Amino acid sequence: MQFALKKIFYITIFNSCLFTLLIIGIQNNSDKRKVNFLIEETVKLPIGFIVGTSFITGSIIGNLFSFNLNNK
């Protein structure tokens, strides 16, 4: 159980640091696009932010998925 809490803590810290660096680095970006969902569109967001948040979300989901596989 201690290993599971430690892994979740490291995942959270690592992805929070990535998100902080993404926010700092994106401030001077002027190239913006909209993301089209099935029903609506988003507001104009910088391309780097869209790609970065997709990467961070994938990292979180991938780590949690491997965490569930290791418990079986």
PDB file of N, CA and C in Angstrom:
ATOM      1  N   MET A   1       0.817  -1.192   0.000  1.00  0.00           N
ATOM      2  CA  MET A   1       0.000   0.000   0.000  1.00  0.00           C
ATOM      3  C   MET A   1       0.861   1.257   0.000  1.00  0.00           C
ATOM      4  N   GLN A   2       1.986   1.209   0.706  1.00  0.00           N
ATOM      5  CA  GLN A   2       2.875   2.358   0.763  1.00  0.00           C
ATOM      6  C   GLN A   2       3.473   2.633  -0.614  1.00  0.00           C
ATOM      7  N   PHE A   3       3.759   1.563  -1.371  1.00  0.00           N
ATOM      8  CA  PHE A   3       4.276   1.726  -2.720  1.00  0.00           C
ATOM      9  C   PHE A   3       3.265   2.430  -3.610  1.00  0.00           C
ATOM     10  N   ALA A   4       1.995   2.098  -3.472  1.00  0.00           N
ATOM     11  CA  ALA A   4       0.943   2.706  -4.285  1.00  0.00           C
ATOM     12  C   ALA A   4       0.820   4.206  -3.987  1.00  0.00           C
ATOM     13  N   LEU A   5       0.848   4.578  -2.744  1.00  0.00           N
ATOM     14  CA  LEU A   5       0.768   5.997  -2.388  1.00  0.00           C
ATOM     15  C   LEU A   5       1.984   6.761  -2.876  1.00  0.00           C
ATOM     16  N   LYS A   6       3.154   6.140  -2.776  1.00  0.00           N
ATOM     17  CA  LYS A   6       4.379   6.778  -3.236  1.00  0.00           C
ATOM     18  C   LYS A   6       4.339   6.982  -4.747  1.00  0.00           C
ATOM     19  N   LYS A   7       3.843   5.992  -5.483  1.00  0.00           N
ATOM     20  CA  LYS A   7       3.766   6.108  -6.936  1.00  0.00           C
ATOM     21  C   LYS A   7       2.777   7.192  -7.346  1.00  0.00           C
ATOM     22  N   ILE A   8       1.633   7.248  -6.704  1.00  0.00           N
ATOM     23  CA  ILE A   8       0.643   8.291  -7.010  1.00  0.00           C
ATOM     24  C   ILE A   8       1.205   9.671  -6.683  1.00  0.00           C
ATOM     25  N   PHE A   9       1.942   9.776  -5.593  1.00  0.00           N
ATOM     26  CA  PHE A   9       2.570  11.039  -5.214  1.00  0.00           C
ATOM     27  C   PHE A   9       3.583  11.471  -6.275  1.00  0.00           C
ATOM     28  N   TYR A  10       4.439  10.568  -6.742  1.00  0.00           N
ATOM     29  CA  TYR A  10       5.431  10.899  -7.763  1.00  0.00           C
ATOM     30  C   TYR A  10       4.780  11.267  -9.089  1.00  0.00           C
ATOM     31  N   ILE A  11       3.719  10.569  -9.460  1.00  0.00           N
ATOM     32  CA  ILE A  11       2.996  10.881 -10.695  1.00  0.00           C
ATOM     33  C   ILE A  11       2.416  12.292 -10.610  1.00  0.00           C
ATOM     34  N   THR A  12       1.817  12.620  -9.480  1.00  0.00           N
ATOM     35  CA  THR A  12       1.207  13.933  -9.292  1.00  0.00           C
ATOM     36  C   THR A  12       2.257  15.037  -9.327  1.00  0.00           C
ATOM     37  N   ILE A  13       3.355  14.853  -8.635  1.00  0.00           N
ATOM     38  CA  ILE A  13       4.414  15.867  -8.605  1.00  0.00           C
ATOM     39  C   ILE A  13       5.025  16.053  -9.993  1.00  0.00           C
ATOM     40  N   PHE A  14       5.334  14.955 -10.678  1.00  0.00           N
ATOM     41  CA  PHE A  14       5.953  15.033 -12.000  1.00  0.00           C
ATOM     42  C   PHE A  14       5.052  15.764 -12.994  1.00  0.00           C
ATOM     43  N   ASN A  15       3.782  15.399 -13.041  1.00  0.00           N
ATOM     44  CA  ASN A  15       2.866  16.026 -13.994  1.00  0.00           C
ATOM     45  C   ASN A  15       2.537  17.468 -13.610  1.00  0.00           C
ATOM     46  N   SER A  16       2.541  17.783 -12.333  1.00  0.00           N
ATOM     47  CA  SER A  16       2.351  19.172 -11.914  1.00  0.00           C
ATOM     48  C   SER A  16       3.529  20.040 -12.342  1.00  0.00           C
ATOM     49  N   CYS A  17       4.727  19.497 -12.245  1.00  0.00           N
ATOM     50  CA  CYS A  17       5.912  20.227 -12.708  1.00  0.00           C
ATOM     51  C   CYS A  17       5.872  20.428 -14.220  1.00  0.00           C
ATOM     52  N   LEU A  18       5.467  19.407 -14.962  1.00  0.00           N
ATOM     53  CA  LEU A  18       5.326  19.546 -16.409  1.00  0.00           C
ATOM     54  C   LEU A  18       4.299  20.614 -16.763  1.00  0.00           C
ATOM     55  N   PHE A  19       3.176  20.625 -16.060  1.00  0.00           N
ATOM     56  CA  PHE A  19       2.131  21.614 -16.330  1.00  0.00           C
ATOM     57  C   PHE A  19       2.616  23.028 -16.002  1.00  0.00           C
ATOM     58  N   THR A  20       3.369  23.175 -14.923  1.00  0.00           N
ATOM     59  CA  THR A  20       3.915  24.485 -14.560  1.00  0.00           C
ATOM     60  C   THR A  20       4.879  24.981 -15.634  1.00  0.00           C
ATOM     61  N   LEU A  21       5.761  24.108 -16.104  1.00  0.00           N
ATOM     62  CA  LEU A  21       6.683  24.487 -17.177  1.00  0.00           C
ATOM     63  C   LEU A  21       5.932  24.819 -18.464  1.00  0.00           C
ATOM     64  N   LEU A  22       4.861  24.100 -18.731  1.00  0.00           N
ATOM     65  CA  LEU A  22       4.039  24.378 -19.906  1.00  0.00           C
ATOM     66  C   LEU A  22       3.427  25.768 -19.818  1.00  0.00           C
ATOM     67  N   ILE A  23       2.889  26.120 -18.673  1.00  0.00           N
ATOM     68  CA  ILE A  23       2.261  27.435 -18.489  1.00  0.00           C
ATOM     69  C   ILE A  23       3.300  28.546 -18.608  1.00  0.00           C
ATOM     70  N   ILE A  24       4.478  28.350 -18.044  1.00  0.00           N
ATOM     71  CA  ILE A  24       5.537  29.362 -18.135  1.00  0.00           C
ATOM     72  C   ILE A  24       6.010  29.519 -19.577  1.00  0.00           C
ATOM     73  N   GLY A  25       6.183  28.419 -20.275  1.00  0.00           N
ATOM     74  CA  GLY A  25       6.689  28.469 -21.635  1.00  0.00           C
ATOM     75  C   GLY A  25       5.690  28.953 -22.660  1.00  0.00           C
ATOM     76  N   ILE A  26       4.429  28.884 -22.380  1.00  0.00           N
ATOM     77  CA  ILE A  26       3.391  29.200 -23.357  1.00  0.00           C
ATOM     78  C   ILE A  26       3.043  30.688 -23.370  1.00  0.00           C
ATOM     79  N   GLN A  27       3.579  31.468 -22.464  1.00  0.00           N
ATOM     80  CA  GLN A  27       3.149  32.854 -22.303  1.00  0.00           C
ATOM     81  C   GLN A  27       3.436  33.734 -23.511  1.00  0.00           C
ATOM     82  N   ASN A  28       4.493  33.450 -24.270  1.00  0.00           N
ATOM     83  CA  ASN A  28       4.830  34.289 -25.416  1.00  0.00           C
ATOM     84  C   ASN A  28       4.360  33.698 -26.731  1.00  0.00           C
ATOM     85  N   ASN A  29       3.513  32.702 -26.694  1.00  0.00           N
ATOM     86  CA  ASN A  29       3.045  32.053 -27.908  1.00  0.00           C
ATOM     87  C   ASN A  29       1.833  32.797 -28.453  1.00  0.00           C
ATOM     88  N   SER A  30       1.888  33.167 -29.724  1.00  0.00           N
ATOM     89  CA  SER A  30       0.771  33.912 -30.302  1.00  0.00           C
ATOM     90  C   SER A  30      -0.011  33.101 -31.337  1.00  0.00           C
ATOM     91  N   ASP A  31       0.433  31.909 -31.683  1.00  0.00           N
ATOM     92  CA  ASP A  31      -0.250  31.072 -32.662  1.00  0.00           C
ATOM     93  C   ASP A  31      -1.357  30.293 -31.967  1.00  0.00           C
ATOM     94  N   LYS A  32      -2.613  30.651 -32.249  1.00  0.00           N
ATOM     95  CA  LYS A  32      -3.744  30.056 -31.534  1.00  0.00           C
ATOM     96  C   LYS A  32      -4.697  29.366 -32.502  1.00  0.00           C
ATOM     97  N   ARG A  33      -5.310  28.278 -32.034  1.00  0.00           N
ATOM     98  CA  ARG A  33      -6.275  27.510 -32.823  1.00  0.00           C
ATOM     99  C   ARG A  33      -7.431  27.089 -31.934  1.00  0.00           C
ATOM    100  N   LYS A  34      -8.522  26.676 -32.561  1.00  0.00           N
ATOM    101  CA  LYS A  34      -9.674  26.125 -31.850  1.00  0.00           C
ATOM    102  C   LYS A  34      -9.659  24.609 -31.985  1.00  0.00           C
ATOM    103  N   VAL A  35     -10.162  23.925 -30.971  1.00  0.00           N
ATOM    104  CA  VAL A  35     -10.311  22.470 -31.015  1.00  0.00           C
ATOM    105  C   VAL A  35     -11.782  22.177 -31.261  1.00  0.00           C
ATOM    106  N   ASN A  36     -12.073  21.351 -32.268  1.00  0.00           N
ATOM    107  CA  ASN A  36     -13.451  20.994 -32.597  1.00  0.00           C
ATOM    108  C   ASN A  36     -13.827  19.696 -31.902  1.00  0.00           C
ATOM    109  N   PHE A  37     -14.814  19.766 -31.030  1.00  0.00           N
ATOM    110  CA  PHE A  37     -15.378  18.576 -30.419  1.00  0.00           C
ATOM    111  C   PHE A  37     -16.589  18.143 -31.238  1.00  0.00           C
ATOM    112  N   LEU A  38     -17.260  17.106 -30.811  1.00  0.00           N
ATOM    113  CA  LEU A  38     -18.427  16.633 -31.555  1.00  0.00           C
ATOM    114  C   LEU A  38     -19.546  17.660 -31.593  1.00  0.00           C
ATOM    115  N   ILE A  39     -19.742  18.370 -30.492  1.00  0.00           N
ATOM    116  CA  ILE A  39     -20.867  19.293 -30.390  1.00  0.00           C
ATOM    117  C   ILE A  39     -20.408  20.755 -30.474  1.00  0.00           C
ATOM    118  N   GLU A  40     -19.377  21.115 -29.781  1.00  0.00           N
ATOM    119  CA  GLU A  40     -18.949  22.507 -29.645  1.00  0.00           C
ATOM    120  C   GLU A  40     -17.495  22.687 -30.072  1.00  0.00           C
ATOM    121  N   GLU A  41     -17.054  23.940 -30.056  1.00  0.00           N
ATOM    122  CA  GLU A  41     -15.657  24.299 -30.266  1.00  0.00           C
ATOM    123  C   GLU A  41     -15.139  24.940 -28.988  1.00  0.00           C
ATOM    124  N   THR A  42     -13.838  24.862 -28.792  1.00  0.00           N
ATOM    125  CA  THR A  42     -13.236  25.531 -27.646  1.00  0.00           C
ATOM    126  C   THR A  42     -12.917  26.973 -28.010  1.00  0.00           C
ATOM    127  N   VAL A  43     -12.483  27.731 -27.043  1.00  0.00           N
ATOM    128  CA  VAL A  43     -11.972  29.068 -27.323  1.00  0.00           C
ATOM    129  C   VAL A  43     -10.610  28.909 -27.993  1.00  0.00           C
ATOM    130  N   LYS A  44     -10.075  29.985 -28.535  1.00  0.00           N
ATOM    131  CA  LYS A  44      -8.766  29.901 -29.176  1.00  0.00           C
ATOM    132  C   LYS A  44      -7.696  29.684 -28.108  1.00  0.00           C
ATOM    133  N   LEU A  45      -6.940  28.611 -28.285  1.00  0.00           N
ATOM    134  CA  LEU A  45      -5.866  28.270 -27.361  1.00  0.00           C
ATOM    135  C   LEU A  45      -4.564  28.113 -28.137  1.00  0.00           C
ATOM    136  N   PRO A  46      -3.421  28.397 -27.511  1.00  0.00           N
ATOM    137  CA  PRO A  46      -2.146  28.170 -28.185  1.00  0.00           C
ATOM    138  C   PRO A  46      -1.955  26.684 -28.509  1.00  0.00           C
ATOM    139  N   ILE A  47      -1.364  26.410 -29.648  1.00  0.00           N
ATOM    140  CA  ILE A  47      -1.168  25.035 -30.093  1.00  0.00           C
ATOM    141  C   ILE A  47      -0.306  24.258 -29.091  1.00  0.00           C
ATOM    142  N   GLY A  48       0.717  24.899 -28.559  1.00  0.00           N
ATOM    143  CA  GLY A  48       1.589  24.243 -27.586  1.00  0.00           C
ATOM    144  C   GLY A  48       0.842  23.831 -26.327  1.00  0.00           C
ATOM    145  N   PHE A  49      -0.126  24.628 -25.927  1.00  0.00           N
ATOM    146  CA  PHE A  49      -0.921  24.290 -24.752  1.00  0.00           C
ATOM    147  C   PHE A  49      -1.781  23.071 -25.015  1.00  0.00           C
ATOM    148  N   ILE A  50      -2.380  22.998 -26.198  1.00  0.00           N
ATOM    149  CA  ILE A  50      -3.219  21.854 -26.553  1.00  0.00           C
ATOM    150  C   ILE A  50      -2.392  20.577 -26.587  1.00  0.00           C
ATOM    151  N   VAL A  51      -1.234  20.643 -27.230  1.00  0.00           N
ATOM    152  CA  VAL A  51      -0.365  19.470 -27.323  1.00  0.00           C
ATOM    153  C   VAL A  51       0.184  19.093 -25.949  1.00  0.00           C
ATOM    154  N   GLY A  52       0.588  20.083 -25.171  1.00  0.00           N
ATOM    155  CA  GLY A  52       1.146  19.821 -23.845  1.00  0.00           C
ATOM    156  C   GLY A  52       0.149  19.207 -22.881  1.00  0.00           C
ATOM    157  N   THR A  53      -1.065  19.728 -22.874  1.00  0.00           N
ATOM    158  CA  THR A  53      -2.069  19.151 -21.980  1.00  0.00           C
ATOM    159  C   THR A  53      -2.462  17.746 -22.429  1.00  0.00           C
ATOM    160  N   SER A  54      -2.443  17.499 -23.730  1.00  0.00           N
ATOM    161  CA  SER A  54      -2.711  16.140 -24.221  1.00  0.00           C
ATOM    162  C   SER A  54      -1.624  15.180 -23.747  1.00  0.00           C
ATOM    163  N   PHE A  55      -0.374  15.621 -23.797  1.00  0.00           N
ATOM    164  CA  PHE A  55       0.733  14.792 -23.331  1.00  0.00           C
ATOM    165  C   PHE A  55       0.628  14.517 -21.840  1.00  0.00           C
ATOM    166  N   ILE A  56       0.340  15.538 -21.056  1.00  0.00           N
ATOM    167  CA  ILE A  56       0.242  15.376 -19.607  1.00  0.00           C
ATOM    168  C   ILE A  56      -0.937  14.467 -19.245  1.00  0.00           C
ATOM    169  N   THR A  57      -2.065  14.638 -19.916  1.00  0.00           N
ATOM    170  CA  THR A  57      -3.221  13.776 -19.667  1.00  0.00           C
ATOM    171  C   THR A  57      -2.901  12.325 -20.004  1.00  0.00           C
ATOM    172  N   GLY A  58      -2.218  12.112 -21.124  1.00  0.00           N
ATOM    173  CA  GLY A  58      -1.798  10.756 -21.500  1.00  0.00           C
ATOM    174  C   GLY A  58      -0.834  10.160 -20.505  1.00  0.00           C
ATOM    175  N   SER A  59       0.049  10.978 -19.966  1.00  0.00           N
ATOM    176  CA  SER A  59       1.002  10.505 -18.961  1.00  0.00           C
ATOM    177  C   SER A  59       0.278  10.063 -17.694  1.00  0.00           C
ATOM    178  N   ILE A  60      -0.689  10.846 -17.259  1.00  0.00           N
ATOM    179  CA  ILE A  60      -1.449  10.489 -16.052  1.00  0.00           C
ATOM    180  C   ILE A  60      -2.241   9.211 -16.272  1.00  0.00           C
ATOM    181  N   ILE A  61      -2.964   9.139 -17.381  1.00  0.00           N
ATOM    182  CA  ILE A  61      -3.793   7.960 -17.649  1.00  0.00           C
ATOM    183  C   ILE A  61      -2.924   6.717 -17.838  1.00  0.00           C
ATOM    184  N   GLY A  62      -1.809   6.863 -18.553  1.00  0.00           N
ATOM    185  CA  GLY A  62      -0.917   5.725 -18.760  1.00  0.00           C
ATOM    186  C   GLY A  62      -0.317   5.206 -17.471  1.00  0.00           C
ATOM    187  N   ASN A  63       0.081   6.106 -16.586  1.00  0.00           N
ATOM    188  CA  ASN A  63       0.643   5.679 -15.303  1.00  0.00           C
ATOM    189  C   ASN A  63      -0.415   5.026 -14.424  1.00  0.00           C
ATOM    190  N   LEU A  64      -1.606   5.548 -14.419  1.00  0.00           N
ATOM    191  CA  LEU A  64      -2.662   4.944 -13.604  1.00  0.00           C
ATOM    192  C   LEU A  64      -3.098   3.604 -14.183  1.00  0.00           C
ATOM    193  N   PHE A  65      -3.081   3.467 -15.512  1.00  0.00           N
ATOM    194  CA  PHE A  65      -3.428   2.205 -16.148  1.00  0.00           C
ATOM    195  C   PHE A  65      -2.398   1.130 -15.811  1.00  0.00           C
ATOM    196  N   SER A  66      -1.110   1.496 -15.857  1.00  0.00           N
ATOM    197  CA  SER A  66      -0.072   0.512 -15.496  1.00  0.00           C
ATOM    198  C   SER A  66      -0.132   0.200 -14.010  1.00  0.00           C
ATOM    199  N   PHE A  67      -0.581   1.157 -13.208  1.00  0.00           N
ATOM    200  CA  PHE A  67      -0.735   0.916 -11.783  1.00  0.00           C
ATOM    201  C   PHE A  67      -1.802  -0.136 -11.538  1.00  0.00           C
ATOM    202  N   ASN A  68      -2.911  -0.085 -12.282  1.00  0.00           N
ATOM    203  CA  ASN A  68      -3.987  -1.061 -12.128  1.00  0.00           C
ATOM    204  C   ASN A  68      -3.561  -2.431 -12.606  1.00  0.00           C
ATOM    205  N   LEU A  69      -2.742  -2.503 -13.648  1.00  0.00           N
ATOM    206  CA  LEU A  69      -2.280  -3.797 -14.153  1.00  0.00           C
ATOM    207  C   LEU A  69      -1.331  -4.476 -13.174  1.00  0.00           C
ATOM    208  N   ASN A  70      -0.531  -3.684 -12.460  1.00  0.00           N
ATOM    209  CA  ASN A  70       0.420  -4.251 -11.505  1.00  0.00           C
ATOM    210  C   ASN A  70      -0.271  -4.814 -10.270  1.00  0.00           C
ATOM    211  N   ASN A  71      -1.463  -4.365  -9.950  1.00  0.00           N
ATOM    212  CA  ASN A  71      -2.167  -4.823  -8.769  1.00  0.00           C
ATOM    213  C   ASN A  71      -2.796  -6.194  -8.970  1.00  0.00           C
ATOM    214  N   LYS A  72      -2.993  -6.644 -10.209  1.00  0.00           N
ATOM    215  CA  LYS A  72      -3.658  -7.934 -10.456  1.00  0.00           C
ATOM    216  C   LYS A  72      -2.744  -9.092 -10.260  1.00  0.00           C
TER     217      LYS A  72
END
